PDB file of all heavy atoms in Angstrom:
ATOM      1  N   ARG A   1       9.102  -0.456   5.635  1.00  0.00           N
ATOM      2  CA  ARG A   1       8.619  -0.373   6.953  1.00  0.00           C
ATOM      3  C   ARG A   1       9.157   0.955   7.632  1.00  0.00           C
ATOM      4  O   ARG A   1      10.097   1.414   7.146  1.00  0.00           O
ATOM      5  CB  ARG A   1       8.960  -1.620   7.697  1.00  0.00           C
ATOM      6  CG  ARG A   1       8.049  -2.737   7.457  1.00  0.00           C
ATOM      7  CD  ARG A   1       8.359  -3.831   8.335  1.00  0.00           C
ATOM      8  NE  ARG A   1       7.484  -4.942   8.370  1.00  0.00           N
ATOM      9  CZ  ARG A   1       7.504  -6.086   8.984  1.00  0.00           C
ATOM     10  NH1 ARG A   1       8.349  -6.247   9.940  1.00  0.00           N
ATOM     11  NH2 ARG A   1       6.683  -7.119   8.622  1.00  0.00           N
ATOM     12  N   GLY A   2       8.467   1.362   8.529  1.00  0.00           N
ATOM     13  CA  GLY A   2       8.949   2.575   9.240  1.00  0.00           C
ATOM     14  C   GLY A   2       7.843   2.994  10.228  1.00  0.00           C
ATOM     15  O   GLY A   2       6.870   2.354  10.575  1.00  0.00           O
ATOM     16  N   LYS A   3       8.149   4.245  10.838  1.00  0.00           N
ATOM     17  CA  LYS A   3       7.299   4.649  11.832  1.00  0.00           C
ATOM     18  C   LYS A   3       5.988   5.019  11.364  1.00  0.00           C
ATOM     19  O   LYS A   3       5.821   5.714  10.300  1.00  0.00           O
ATOM     20  CB  LYS A   3       7.869   5.887  12.458  1.00  0.00           C
ATOM     21  CG  LYS A   3       7.122   6.462  13.678  1.00  0.00           C
ATOM     22  CD  LYS A   3       7.895   7.752  14.380  1.00  0.00           C
ATOM     23  CE  LYS A   3       7.064   8.173  15.507  1.00  0.00           C
ATOM     24  NZ  LYS A   3       7.650   9.471  16.122  1.00  0.00           N
ATOM     25  N   PRO A   4       4.821   4.571  11.949  1.00  0.00           N
ATOM     26  CA  PRO A   4       3.523   4.902  11.387  1.00  0.00           C
ATOM     27  C   PRO A   4       3.278   6.476  11.388  1.00  0.00           C
ATOM     28  O   PRO A   4       3.707   7.186  12.189  1.00  0.00           O
ATOM     29  CB  PRO A   4       2.531   4.331  12.526  1.00  0.00           C
ATOM     30  CG  PRO A   4       3.329   3.211  13.078  1.00  0.00           C
ATOM     31  CD  PRO A   4       4.697   3.600  13.122  1.00  0.00           C
ATOM     32  N   GLY A   5       2.708   6.849  10.220  1.00  0.00           N
ATOM     33  CA  GLY A   5       2.413   8.234   9.828  1.00  0.00           C
ATOM     34  C   GLY A   5       3.417   8.903   9.006  1.00  0.00           C
ATOM     35  O   GLY A   5       3.308   9.971   8.447  1.00  0.00           O
ATOM     36  N   THR A   6       4.542   8.119   8.757  1.00  0.00           N
ATOM     37  CA  THR A   6       5.560   8.733   7.845  1.00  0.00           C
ATOM     38  C   THR A   6       5.239   8.244   6.440  1.00  0.00           C
ATOM     39  O   THR A   6       4.452   7.187   6.263  1.00  0.00           O
ATOM     40  CB  THR A   6       6.966   8.168   8.284  1.00  0.00           C
ATOM     41  OG1 THR A   6       6.961   6.673   8.314  1.00  0.00           O
ATOM     42  CG2 THR A   6       7.360   8.723   9.632  1.00  0.00           C
ATOM     43  N   LYS A   7       5.862   8.851   5.450  1.00  0.00           N
ATOM     44  CA  LYS A   7       5.598   8.599   4.067  1.00  0.00           C
ATOM     45  C   LYS A   7       6.531   7.870   3.384  1.00  0.00           C
ATOM     46  O   LYS A   7       7.615   7.943   3.652  1.00  0.00           O
ATOM     47  CB  LYS A   7       5.209   9.950   3.223  1.00  0.00           C
ATOM     48  CG  LYS A   7       3.915  10.566   3.784  1.00  0.00           C
ATOM     49  CD  LYS A   7       3.725  11.904   2.963  1.00  0.00           C
ATOM     50  CE  LYS A   7       2.356  12.656   3.534  1.00  0.00           C
ATOM     51  NZ  LYS A   7       2.168  13.756   2.587  1.00  0.00           N
ATOM     52  N   VAL A   8       6.139   6.981   2.404  1.00  0.00           N
ATOM     53  CA  VAL A   8       7.151   6.335   1.485  1.00  0.00           C
ATOM     54  C   VAL A   8       6.538   6.385   0.057  1.00  0.00           C
ATOM     55  O   VAL A   8       5.371   6.148  -0.138  1.00  0.00           O
ATOM     56  CB  VAL A   8       7.401   4.977   1.903  1.00  0.00           C
ATOM     57  CG1 VAL A   8       6.165   4.053   1.938  1.00  0.00           C
ATOM     58  CG2 VAL A   8       8.500   4.286   1.137  1.00  0.00           C
ATOM     59  N   THR A   9       7.424   6.615  -0.891  1.00  0.00           N
ATOM     60  CA  THR A   9       6.918   6.656  -2.246  1.00  0.00           C
ATOM     61  C   THR A   9       7.396   5.428  -3.122  1.00  0.00           C
ATOM     62  O   THR A   9       8.672   5.184  -2.991  1.00  0.00           O
ATOM     63  CB  THR A   9       7.473   7.922  -2.905  1.00  0.00           C
ATOM     64  OG1 THR A   9       7.015   9.070  -2.273  1.00  0.00           O
ATOM     65  CG2 THR A   9       7.059   8.041  -4.477  1.00  0.00           C
ATOM     66  N   LEU A  10       6.524   4.735  -3.780  1.00  0.00           N
ATOM     67  CA  LEU A  10       6.893   3.593  -4.415  1.00  0.00           C
ATOM     68  C   LEU A  10       6.651   3.888  -5.988  1.00  0.00           C
ATOM     69  O   LEU A  10       5.574   4.483  -6.365  1.00  0.00           O
ATOM     70  CB  LEU A  10       5.974   2.422  -4.123  1.00  0.00           C
ATOM     71  CG  LEU A  10       5.981   1.956  -2.598  1.00  0.00           C
ATOM     72  CD1 LEU A  10       5.138   0.703  -2.348  1.00  0.00           C
ATOM     73  CD2 LEU A  10       7.522   1.610  -2.264  1.00  0.00           C
ATOM     74  N   THR A  11       7.519   3.530  -6.732  1.00  0.00           N
ATOM     75  CA  THR A  11       7.507   3.531  -8.231  1.00  0.00           C
ATOM     76  C   THR A  11       7.089   2.039  -8.671  1.00  0.00           C
ATOM     77  O   THR A  11       7.812   1.113  -8.450  1.00  0.00           O
ATOM     78  CB  THR A  11       8.732   4.032  -8.845  1.00  0.00           C
ATOM     79  OG1 THR A  11       9.091   5.334  -8.469  1.00  0.00           O
ATOM     80  CG2 THR A  11       8.575   4.181 -10.395  1.00  0.00           C
ATOM     81  N   ILE A  12       5.836   2.058  -9.259  1.00  0.00           N
ATOM     82  CA  ILE A  12       5.320   0.762  -9.602  1.00  0.00           C
ATOM     83  C   ILE A  12       5.230   0.562 -11.152  1.00  0.00           C
ATOM     84  O   ILE A  12       4.852   1.492 -11.838  1.00  0.00           O
ATOM     85  CB  ILE A  12       3.927   0.607  -9.078  1.00  0.00           C
ATOM     86  CG1 ILE A  12       3.861   0.884  -7.624  1.00  0.00           C
ATOM     87  CG2 ILE A  12       3.246  -0.707  -9.541  1.00  0.00           C
ATOM     88  CD1 ILE A  12       4.463  -0.238  -6.752  1.00  0.00           C
ATOM     89  N   ALA A  13       5.685  -0.529 -11.658  1.00  0.00           N
ATOM     90  CA  ALA A  13       5.577  -0.879 -12.981  1.00  0.00           C
ATOM     91  C   ALA A  13       4.522  -1.936 -13.118  1.00  0.00           C
ATOM     92  O   ALA A  13       4.516  -2.951 -12.516  1.00  0.00           O
ATOM     93  CB  ALA A  13       6.897  -1.444 -13.673  1.00  0.00           C
ATOM     94  N   ARG A  14       3.414  -1.728 -13.959  1.00  0.00           N
ATOM     95  CA  ARG A  14       2.434  -2.637 -14.127  1.00  0.00           C
ATOM     96  C   ARG A  14       2.410  -3.021 -15.590  1.00  0.00           C
ATOM     97  O   ARG A  14       2.310  -2.222 -16.556  1.00  0.00           O
ATOM     98  CB  ARG A  14       1.119  -1.975 -13.729  1.00  0.00           C
ATOM     99  CG  ARG A  14      -0.128  -2.875 -13.729  1.00  0.00           C
ATOM    100  CD  ARG A  14      -1.373  -2.261 -13.166  1.00  0.00           C
ATOM    101  NE  ARG A  14      -1.141  -1.941 -11.695  1.00  0.00           N
ATOM    102  CZ  ARG A  14      -1.957  -1.198 -10.896  1.00  0.00           C
ATOM    103  NH1 ARG A  14      -2.989  -0.612 -11.578  1.00  0.00           N
ATOM    104  NH2 ARG A  14      -1.700  -1.088  -9.675  1.00  0.00           N
ATOM    105  N   LYS A  15       2.322  -4.465 -15.870  1.00  0.00           N
ATOM    106  CA  LYS A  15       2.329  -4.947 -17.155  1.00  0.00           C
ATOM    107  C   LYS A  15       1.425  -4.395 -18.066  1.00  0.00           C
ATOM    108  O   LYS A  15       1.632  -4.408 -19.416  1.00  0.00           O
ATOM    109  CB  LYS A  15       2.521  -6.493 -17.216  1.00  0.00           C
ATOM    110  CG  LYS A  15       3.718  -7.113 -16.490  1.00  0.00           C
ATOM    111  CD  LYS A  15       3.572  -8.599 -16.460  1.00  0.00           C
ATOM    112  CE  LYS A  15       4.892  -9.145 -15.872  1.00  0.00           C
ATOM    113  NZ  LYS A  15       4.845 -10.712 -15.729  1.00  0.00           N
ATOM    114  N   SER A  16       0.310  -4.171 -17.668  1.00  0.00           N
ATOM    115  CA  SER A  16      -0.891  -3.611 -18.403  1.00  0.00           C
ATOM    116  C   SER A  16      -0.830  -2.251 -18.785  1.00  0.00           C
ATOM    117  O   SER A  16      -1.685  -1.622 -19.409  1.00  0.00           O
ATOM    118  CB  SER A  16      -2.220  -3.944 -17.707  1.00  0.00           C
ATOM    119  OG  SER A  16      -2.304  -3.445 -16.602  1.00  0.00           O
ATOM    120  N   GLU A  17       0.249  -1.468 -18.221  1.00  0.00           N
ATOM    121  CA  GLU A  17       0.368  -0.052 -18.401  1.00  0.00           C
ATOM    122  C   GLU A  17       1.676   0.296 -18.888  1.00  0.00           C
ATOM    123  O   GLU A  17       2.774  -0.416 -18.624  1.00  0.00           O
ATOM    124  CB  GLU A  17       0.145   0.724 -17.133  1.00  0.00           C
ATOM    125  CG  GLU A  17      -1.257   0.473 -16.442  1.00  0.00           C
ATOM    126  CD  GLU A  17      -1.537   1.238 -15.206  1.00  0.00           C
ATOM    127  OE1 GLU A  17      -0.549   1.976 -14.765  1.00  0.00           O
ATOM    128  OE2 GLU A  17      -2.477   1.017 -14.539  1.00  0.00           O
ATOM    129  N   THR A  18       1.781   1.315 -19.844  1.00  0.00           N
ATOM    130  CA  THR A  18       3.041   1.781 -20.438  1.00  0.00           C
ATOM    131  C   THR A  18       3.991   2.536 -19.634  1.00  0.00           C
ATOM    132  O   THR A  18       5.233   2.576 -19.803  1.00  0.00           O
ATOM    133  CB  THR A  18       2.720   2.358 -21.879  1.00  0.00           C
ATOM    134  OG1 THR A  18       1.871   3.637 -21.476  1.00  0.00           O
ATOM    135  CG2 THR A  18       1.963   1.501 -22.737  1.00  0.00           C
ATOM    136  N   LYS A  19       3.422   3.267 -18.719  1.00  0.00           N
ATOM    137  CA  LYS A  19       4.098   4.266 -17.794  1.00  0.00           C
ATOM    138  C   LYS A  19       4.173   3.821 -16.450  1.00  0.00           C
ATOM    139  O   LYS A  19       3.154   3.255 -15.983  1.00  0.00           O
ATOM    140  CB  LYS A  19       3.591   5.623 -17.952  1.00  0.00           C
ATOM    141  CG  LYS A  19       3.600   6.339 -19.333  1.00  0.00           C
ATOM    142  CD  LYS A  19       3.019   7.721 -19.236  1.00  0.00           C
ATOM    143  CE  LYS A  19       3.118   8.422 -20.762  1.00  0.00           C
ATOM    144  NZ  LYS A  19       2.707   9.751 -20.673  1.00  0.00           N
ATOM    145  N   PRO A  20       5.302   3.982 -15.708  1.00  0.00           N
ATOM    146  CA  PRO A  20       5.383   3.658 -14.382  1.00  0.00           C
ATOM    147  C   PRO A  20       4.406   4.520 -13.479  1.00  0.00           C
ATOM    148  O   PRO A  20       4.056   5.574 -13.847  1.00  0.00           O
ATOM    149  CB  PRO A  20       6.814   3.956 -13.912  1.00  0.00           C
ATOM    150  CG  PRO A  20       7.619   4.038 -15.218  1.00  0.00           C
ATOM    151  CD  PRO A  20       6.659   4.531 -16.261  1.00  0.00           C
ATOM    152  N   ARG A  21       3.876   3.855 -12.508  1.00  0.00           N
ATOM    153  CA  ARG A  21       2.877   4.636 -11.636  1.00  0.00           C
ATOM    154  C   ARG A  21       3.777   4.887 -10.255  1.00  0.00           C
ATOM    155  O   ARG A  21       4.349   4.021  -9.634  1.00  0.00           O
ATOM    156  CB  ARG A  21       1.747   3.603 -11.259  1.00  0.00           C
ATOM    157  CG  ARG A  21       0.799   4.152 -10.343  1.00  0.00           C
ATOM    158  CD  ARG A  21      -0.335   3.050 -10.178  1.00  0.00           C
ATOM    159  NE  ARG A  21      -0.995   2.827 -11.328  1.00  0.00           N
ATOM    160  CZ  ARG A  21      -2.254   2.812 -11.436  1.00  0.00           C
ATOM    161  NH1 ARG A  21      -3.069   3.110 -10.392  1.00  0.00           N
ATOM    162  NH2 ARG A  21      -2.898   2.551 -12.560  1.00  0.00           N
ATOM    163  N   VAL A  22       3.594   6.178  -9.863  1.00  0.00           N
ATOM    164  CA  VAL A  22       4.227   6.680  -8.701  1.00  0.00           C
ATOM    165  C   VAL A  22       3.247   6.870  -7.653  1.00  0.00           C
ATOM    166  O   VAL A  22       2.276   7.623  -7.756  1.00  0.00           O
ATOM    167  CB  VAL A  22       5.067   7.962  -8.878  1.00  0.00           C
ATOM    168  CG1 VAL A  22       5.640   8.388  -7.624  1.00  0.00           C
ATOM    169  CG2 VAL A  22       6.158   7.739  -9.903  1.00  0.00           C
ATOM    170  N   VAL A  23       3.326   6.180  -6.479  1.00  0.00           N
ATOM    171  CA  VAL A  23       2.335   6.120  -5.357  1.00  0.00           C
ATOM    172  C   VAL A  23       2.930   6.519  -4.102  1.00  0.00           C
ATOM    173  O   VAL A  23       3.966   5.907  -3.682  1.00  0.00           O
ATOM    174  CB  VAL A  23       1.675   4.702  -5.251  1.00  0.00           C
ATOM    175  CG1 VAL A  23       0.557   4.749  -4.168  1.00  0.00           C
ATOM    176  CG2 VAL A  23       1.135   4.280  -6.568  1.00  0.00           C
ATOM    177  N   THR A  24       2.416   7.435  -3.447  1.00  0.00           N
ATOM    178  CA  THR A  24       2.901   7.802  -2.149  1.00  0.00           C
ATOM    179  C   THR A  24       1.999   7.233  -1.090  1.00  0.00           C
ATOM    180  O   THR A  24       0.784   7.563  -1.058  1.00  0.00           O
ATOM    181  CB  THR A  24       3.024   9.315  -1.957  1.00  0.00           C
ATOM    182  OG1 THR A  24       3.949   9.811  -2.909  1.00  0.00           O
ATOM    183  CG2 THR A  24       3.504   9.743  -0.496  1.00  0.00           C
ATOM    184  N   LEU A  25       2.493   6.494  -0.164  1.00  0.00           N
ATOM    185  CA  LEU A  25       1.723   5.919   0.989  1.00  0.00           C
ATOM    186  C   LEU A  25       2.131   6.538   2.249  1.00  0.00           C
ATOM    187  O   LEU A  25       3.310   6.655   2.521  1.00  0.00           O
ATOM    188  CB  LEU A  25       1.812   4.321   0.759  1.00  0.00           C
ATOM    189  CG  LEU A  25       1.467   3.665  -0.428  1.00  0.00           C
ATOM    190  CD1 LEU A  25       2.743   3.482  -1.284  1.00  0.00           C
ATOM    191  CD2 LEU A  25       0.898   2.318  -0.273  1.00  0.00           C
ATOM    192  N   VAL A  26       1.212   6.343   3.170  1.00  0.00           N
ATOM    193  CA  VAL A  26       1.464   6.703   4.581  1.00  0.00           C
ATOM    194  C   VAL A  26       1.507   5.407   5.402  1.00  0.00           C
ATOM    195  O   VAL A  26       0.591   4.645   5.436  1.00  0.00           O
ATOM    196  CB  VAL A  26       0.400   7.699   5.177  1.00  0.00           C
ATOM    197  CG1 VAL A  26       0.736   7.976   6.550  1.00  0.00           C
ATOM    198  CG2 VAL A  26       0.313   8.915   4.351  1.00  0.00           C
ATOM    199  N   ARG A  27       2.702   5.175   5.995  1.00  0.00           N
ATOM    200  CA  ARG A  27       2.874   4.012   6.802  1.00  0.00           C
ATOM    201  C   ARG A  27       1.823   3.985   7.968  1.00  0.00           C
ATOM    202  O   ARG A  27       1.464   5.042   8.444  1.00  0.00           O
ATOM    203  CB  ARG A  27       4.304   3.890   7.310  1.00  0.00           C
ATOM    204  CG  ARG A  27       5.375   3.806   6.232  1.00  0.00           C
ATOM    205  CD  ARG A  27       6.765   3.679   6.917  1.00  0.00           C
ATOM    206  NE  ARG A  27       7.789   3.441   6.013  1.00  0.00           N
ATOM    207  CZ  ARG A  27       8.630   4.452   5.553  1.00  0.00           C
ATOM    208  NH1 ARG A  27       8.363   5.646   5.979  1.00  0.00           N
ATOM    209  NH2 ARG A  27       9.582   4.194   4.679  1.00  0.00           N
ATOM    210  N   ALA A  28       1.397   2.846   8.287  1.00  0.00           N
ATOM    211  CA  ALA A  28       0.506   2.738   9.388  1.00  0.00           C
ATOM    212  C   ALA A  28       0.836   1.346  10.306  1.00  0.00           C
ATOM    213  O   ALA A  28       1.502   0.576   9.789  1.00  0.00           O
ATOM    214  CB  ALA A  28      -0.934   2.562   8.721  1.00  0.00           C
ATOM    215  N   VAL A  29       0.166   1.369  11.400  1.00  0.00           N
ATOM    216  CA  VAL A  29       0.251   0.071  12.198  1.00  0.00           C
ATOM    217  C   VAL A  29      -0.746  -0.794  11.447  1.00  0.00           C
ATOM    218  O   VAL A  29      -1.990  -0.587  11.425  1.00  0.00           O
ATOM    219  CB  VAL A  29      -0.115   0.317  13.674  1.00  0.00           C
ATOM    220  CG1 VAL A  29      -0.110  -1.051  14.355  1.00  0.00           C
ATOM    221  CG2 VAL A  29       0.862   1.243  14.315  1.00  0.00           C
ATOM    222  N   ILE A  30      -0.298  -1.888  10.891  1.00  0.00           N
ATOM    223  CA  ILE A  30      -1.077  -2.837  10.179  1.00  0.00           C
ATOM    224  C   ILE A  30      -1.721  -3.805  11.161  1.00  0.00           C
ATOM    225  O   ILE A  30      -1.039  -4.575  11.680  1.00  0.00           O
ATOM    226  CB  ILE A  30      -0.214  -3.527   9.171  1.00  0.00           C
ATOM    227  CG1 ILE A  30       0.512  -2.472   8.259  1.00  0.00           C
ATOM    228  CG2 ILE A  30      -1.223  -4.467   8.316  1.00  0.00           C
ATOM    229  CD1 ILE A  30      -0.292  -1.560   7.441  1.00  0.00           C
ATOM    230  N   LYS A  31      -3.036  -3.587  11.286  1.00  0.00           N
ATOM    231  CA  LYS A  31      -3.913  -4.607  12.035  1.00  0.00           C
ATOM    232  C   LYS A  31      -4.792  -5.211  11.170  1.00  0.00           C
ATOM    233  O   LYS A  31      -5.830  -4.854  10.818  1.00  0.00           O
ATOM    234  CB  LYS A  31      -4.570  -3.801  13.187  1.00  0.00           C
ATOM    235  CG  LYS A  31      -3.741  -3.129  14.143  1.00  0.00           C
ATOM    236  CD  LYS A  31      -4.477  -2.455  15.301  1.00  0.00           C
ATOM    237  CE  LYS A  31      -3.727  -1.798  16.342  1.00  0.00           C
ATOM    238  NZ  LYS A  31      -4.494  -1.039  17.404  1.00  0.00           N
ATOM    239  N   THR A  32      -4.353  -6.366  10.693  1.00  0.00           N
ATOM    240  CA  THR A  32      -5.170  -7.203   9.750  1.00  0.00           C
ATOM    241  C   THR A  32      -6.210  -7.911  10.549  1.00  0.00           C
ATOM    242  O   THR A  32      -5.978  -8.623  11.571  1.00  0.00           O
ATOM    243  CB  THR A  32      -4.307  -8.116   9.041  1.00  0.00           C
ATOM    244  OG1 THR A  32      -3.613  -8.999   9.842  1.00  0.00           O
ATOM    245  CG2 THR A  32      -3.313  -7.416   8.105  1.00  0.00           C
ATOM    246  N   LYS A  33      -7.478  -7.981   9.967  1.00  0.00           N
ATOM    247  CA  LYS A  33      -8.523  -8.726  10.466  1.00  0.00           C
ATOM    248  C   LYS A  33      -8.461 -10.084   9.856  1.00  0.00           C
ATOM    249  O   LYS A  33      -8.674 -10.287   8.534  1.00  0.00           O
ATOM    250  CB  LYS A  33     -10.004  -8.062  10.213  1.00  0.00           C
ATOM    251  CG  LYS A  33     -10.064  -6.660  10.896  1.00  0.00           C
ATOM    252  CD  LYS A  33     -11.411  -6.035  10.503  1.00  0.00           C
ATOM    253  CE  LYS A  33     -11.537  -4.708  11.229  1.00  0.00           C
ATOM    254  NZ  LYS A  33     -12.769  -4.013  10.906  1.00  0.00           N
ATOM    255  N   SER A  34      -8.330 -11.105  10.588  1.00  0.00           N
ATOM    256  CA  SER A  34      -8.025 -12.350  10.054  1.00  0.00           C
ATOM    257  C   SER A  34      -9.238 -12.999   9.381  1.00  0.00           C
ATOM    258  O   SER A  34      -9.147 -13.664   8.459  1.00  0.00           O
ATOM    259  CB  SER A  34      -7.355 -13.336  11.132  1.00  0.00           C
ATOM    260  OG  SER A  34      -7.131 -14.560  10.682  1.00  0.00           O
ATOM    261  N   VAL A  35     -10.414 -12.853  10.021  1.00  0.00           N
ATOM    262  CA  VAL A  35     -11.653 -13.561   9.628  1.00  0.00           C
ATOM    263  C   VAL A  35     -12.750 -12.522   9.393  1.00  0.00           C
ATOM    264  O   VAL A  35     -12.969 -11.688  10.369  1.00  0.00           O
ATOM    265  CB  VAL A  35     -11.991 -14.616  10.520  1.00  0.00           C
ATOM    266  CG1 VAL A  35     -13.335 -15.302  10.092  1.00  0.00           C
ATOM    267  CG2 VAL A  35     -10.960 -15.708  10.614  1.00  0.00           C
ATOM    268  N   LYS A  36     -13.353 -12.472   8.226  1.00  0.00           N
ATOM    269  CA  LYS A  36     -14.562 -11.685   8.023  1.00  0.00           C
ATOM    270  C   LYS A  36     -15.655 -12.496   7.574  1.00  0.00           C
ATOM    271  O   LYS A  36     -15.410 -13.584   6.941  1.00  0.00           O
ATOM    272  CB  LYS A  36     -14.334 -10.684   6.972  1.00  0.00           C
ATOM    273  CG  LYS A  36     -13.174  -9.747   7.385  1.00  0.00           C
ATOM    274  CD  LYS A  36     -12.851  -8.656   6.316  1.00  0.00           C
ATOM    275  CE  LYS A  36     -11.700  -7.786   6.783  1.00  0.00           C
ATOM    276  NZ  LYS A  36     -11.364  -6.698   5.725  1.00  0.00           N
ATOM    277  N   PHE A  37     -16.992 -12.184   7.914  1.00  0.00           N
ATOM    278  CA  PHE A  37     -18.042 -13.065   7.519  1.00  0.00           C
ATOM    279  C   PHE A  37     -19.375 -12.331   7.294  1.00  0.00           C
ATOM    280  O   PHE A  37     -19.527 -11.139   7.702  1.00  0.00           O
ATOM    281  CB  PHE A  37     -18.198 -14.181   8.584  1.00  0.00           C
ATOM    282  CG  PHE A  37     -18.666 -13.588  10.085  1.00  0.00           C
ATOM    283  CD1 PHE A  37     -19.979 -13.517  10.347  1.00  0.00           C
ATOM    284  CD2 PHE A  37     -17.647 -13.065  10.855  1.00  0.00           C
ATOM    285  CE1 PHE A  37     -20.347 -12.963  11.660  1.00  0.00           C
ATOM    286  CE2 PHE A  37     -18.014 -12.670  12.065  1.00  0.00           C
ATOM    287  CZ  PHE A  37     -19.381 -12.523  12.493  1.00  0.00           C
ATOM    288  N   LYS A  38     -20.298 -13.045   6.644  1.00  0.00           N
ATOM    289  CA  LYS A  38     -21.487 -12.378   6.306  1.00  0.00           C
ATOM    290  C   LYS A  38     -22.589 -13.449   5.774  1.00  0.00           C
ATOM    291  O   LYS A  38     -22.150 -14.384   5.180  1.00  0.00           O
ATOM    292  CB  LYS A  38     -21.284 -11.285   5.217  1.00  0.00           C
ATOM    293  CG  LYS A  38     -22.650 -10.561   4.697  1.00  0.00           C
ATOM    294  CD  LYS A  38     -22.381  -9.553   3.640  1.00  0.00           C
ATOM    295  CE  LYS A  38     -23.540  -8.909   3.032  1.00  0.00           C
ATOM    296  NZ  LYS A  38     -23.270  -8.024   2.070  1.00  0.00           N
ATOM    297  N   LEU A  39     -23.762 -13.276   6.046  1.00  0.00           N
ATOM    298  CA  LEU A  39     -24.795 -14.043   5.462  1.00  0.00           C
ATOM    299  C   LEU A  39     -25.123 -13.443   3.976  1.00  0.00           C
ATOM    300  O   LEU A  39     -25.584 -12.196   3.918  1.00  0.00           O
ATOM    301  CB  LEU A  39     -26.230 -13.943   6.237  1.00  0.00           C
ATOM    302  CG  LEU A  39     -26.295 -15.080   7.204  1.00  0.00           C
ATOM    303  CD1 LEU A  39     -27.670 -14.930   8.022  1.00  0.00           C
ATOM    304  CD2 LEU A  39     -26.328 -16.539   6.657  1.00  0.00           C
TER     305      LEU A  39
END
């Protein structure tokens, strides 16, 4: 967590992959939509 707009880098290990995955994400104010719907 941190100030929205700042970056954080995660090193990810995935069982289906042999090499770690490095991902840089930009923190955001997380506003989750609780319910979505469609016909």
